C-alpha atoms as a PDB file:
ATOM      1  CA  MET A   1      13.146  36.634   9.293  1.00  0.00           C
ATOM      2  CA  GLU A   2      14.762  35.208   6.639  1.00  0.00           C
ATOM      3  CA  ALA A   3      15.999  32.169   8.400  1.00  0.00           C
ATOM      4  CA  LEU A   4      11.855  31.643   9.088  1.00  0.00           C
ATOM      5  CA  LYS A   5      10.905  32.002   5.300  1.00  0.00           C
ATOM      6  CA  SER A   6      13.509  29.711   4.508  1.00  0.00           C
ATOM      7  CA  TYR A   7      12.361  27.143   6.749  1.00  0.00           C
ATOM      8  CA  PHE A   8       8.897  27.160   4.832  1.00  0.00           C
ATOM      9  CA  LYS A   9      10.398  26.996   1.605  1.00  0.00           C
ATOM     10  CA  ASP A  10      12.392  23.927   2.243  1.00  0.00           C
ATOM     11  CA  GLU A  11      11.041  21.152   0.589  1.00  0.00           C
ATOM     12  CA  GLY A  12      12.962  18.222   1.374  1.00  0.00           C
ATOM     13  CA  GLY A  13      10.605  16.629   3.587  1.00  0.00           C
ATOM     14  CA  MET A  14       7.719  16.416   0.915  1.00  0.00           C
ATOM     15  CA  GLY A  15       8.907  13.019  -0.525  1.00  0.00           C
ATOM     16  CA  THR A  16       8.065  11.155   3.316  1.00  0.00           C
ATOM     17  CA  VAL A  17       5.492  12.595   3.557  1.00  0.00           C
ATOM     18  CA  GLU A  18       3.909  11.772  -0.179  1.00  0.00           C
ATOM     19  CA  ILE A  19       5.097   8.415   0.649  1.00  0.00           C
ATOM     20  CA  ILE A  20       3.790   8.150   4.382  1.00  0.00           C
ATOM     21  CA  LEU A  21       0.143   9.053   2.389  1.00  0.00           C
ATOM     22  CA  ILE A  22       0.725   6.699  -0.240  1.00  0.00           C
ATOM     23  CA  ILE A  23       0.695   3.690   2.639  1.00  0.00           C
ATOM     24  CA  VAL A  24      -1.792   4.771   4.837  1.00  0.00           C
ATOM     25  CA  VAL A  25      -4.136   4.914   1.769  1.00  0.00           C
ATOM     26  CA  LEU A  26      -2.773   1.622   0.383  1.00  0.00           C
ATOM     27  CA  VAL A  27      -3.657   0.113   4.183  1.00  0.00           C
ATOM     28  CA  GLY A  28      -6.940   1.246   4.021  1.00  0.00           C
ATOM     29  CA  LEU A  29      -8.014  -0.092   0.552  1.00  0.00           C
ATOM     30  CA  VAL A  30      -6.440  -3.313   1.847  1.00  0.00           C
ATOM     31  CA  MET A  31      -8.902  -3.064   5.259  1.00  0.00           C
ATOM     32  CA  LEU A  32     -12.013  -1.793   3.014  1.00  0.00           C
ATOM     33  CA  PHE A  33     -11.737  -4.889   0.489  1.00  0.00           C
ATOM     34  CA  ARG A  34      -9.594  -8.082   3.022  1.00  0.00           C
ATOM     35  CA  ASP A  35     -12.710  -9.723   2.360  1.00  0.00           C
ATOM     36  CA  GLN A  36     -12.146  -9.820  -1.523  1.00  0.00           C
ATOM     37  CA  ILE A  37      -8.877 -10.034  -1.751  1.00  0.00           C
ATOM     38  CA  THR A  38      -8.912 -13.095   1.085  1.00  0.00           C
ATOM     39  CA  ASP A  39     -11.384 -14.892  -1.580  1.00  0.00           C
ATOM     40  CA  ILE A  40      -9.020 -14.215  -4.590  1.00  0.00           C
ATOM     41  CA  VAL A  41      -5.815 -15.597  -2.816  1.00  0.00           C
ATOM     42  CA  ASN A  42      -7.826 -18.555  -1.739  1.00  0.00           C
ATOM     43  CA  SER A  43      -9.230 -19.337  -5.271  1.00  0.00           C
ATOM     44  CA  LEU A  44      -5.696 -18.714  -6.772  1.00  0.00           C
ATOM     45  CA  PHE A  45      -4.294 -21.218  -4.057  1.00  0.00           C
ATOM     46  CA  GLU A  46      -7.234 -23.999  -4.675  1.00  0.00           C
ATOM     47  CA  LYS A  47      -6.622 -23.916  -8.257  1.00  0.00           C
ATOM     48  CA  ILE A  48      -2.692 -23.942  -8.129  1.00  0.00           C
ATOM     49  CA  THR A  49      -3.350 -26.709  -5.298  1.00  0.00           C
ATOM     50  CA  ASP A  50      -5.790 -28.710  -8.009  1.00  0.00           C
ATOM     51  CA  ARG A  51      -3.195 -28.549 -10.617  1.00  0.00           C
ATOM     52  CA  THR A  52       0.510 -29.777  -8.549  1.00  0.00           C
ATOM     53  CA  GLU A  53      -1.821 -32.509  -7.364  1.00  0.00           C
ATOM     54  CA  LYS A  54      -2.584 -33.501 -11.250  1.00  0.00           C
ATOM     55  CA  PHE A  55       1.314 -34.182 -11.686  1.00  0.00           C
END
């Protein structure tokens, strides 16, 4: 019985679970805002390309 109580009180794997949940949320947000992120990145690369062509 004591081993069972010890097992449920052990929080050693909680850090891993928290990291996995954060990754899942981030992936979900990226999928949700994929078009907006793509537009922003493309716009930034166009500005970089335009400015480097001037040299």
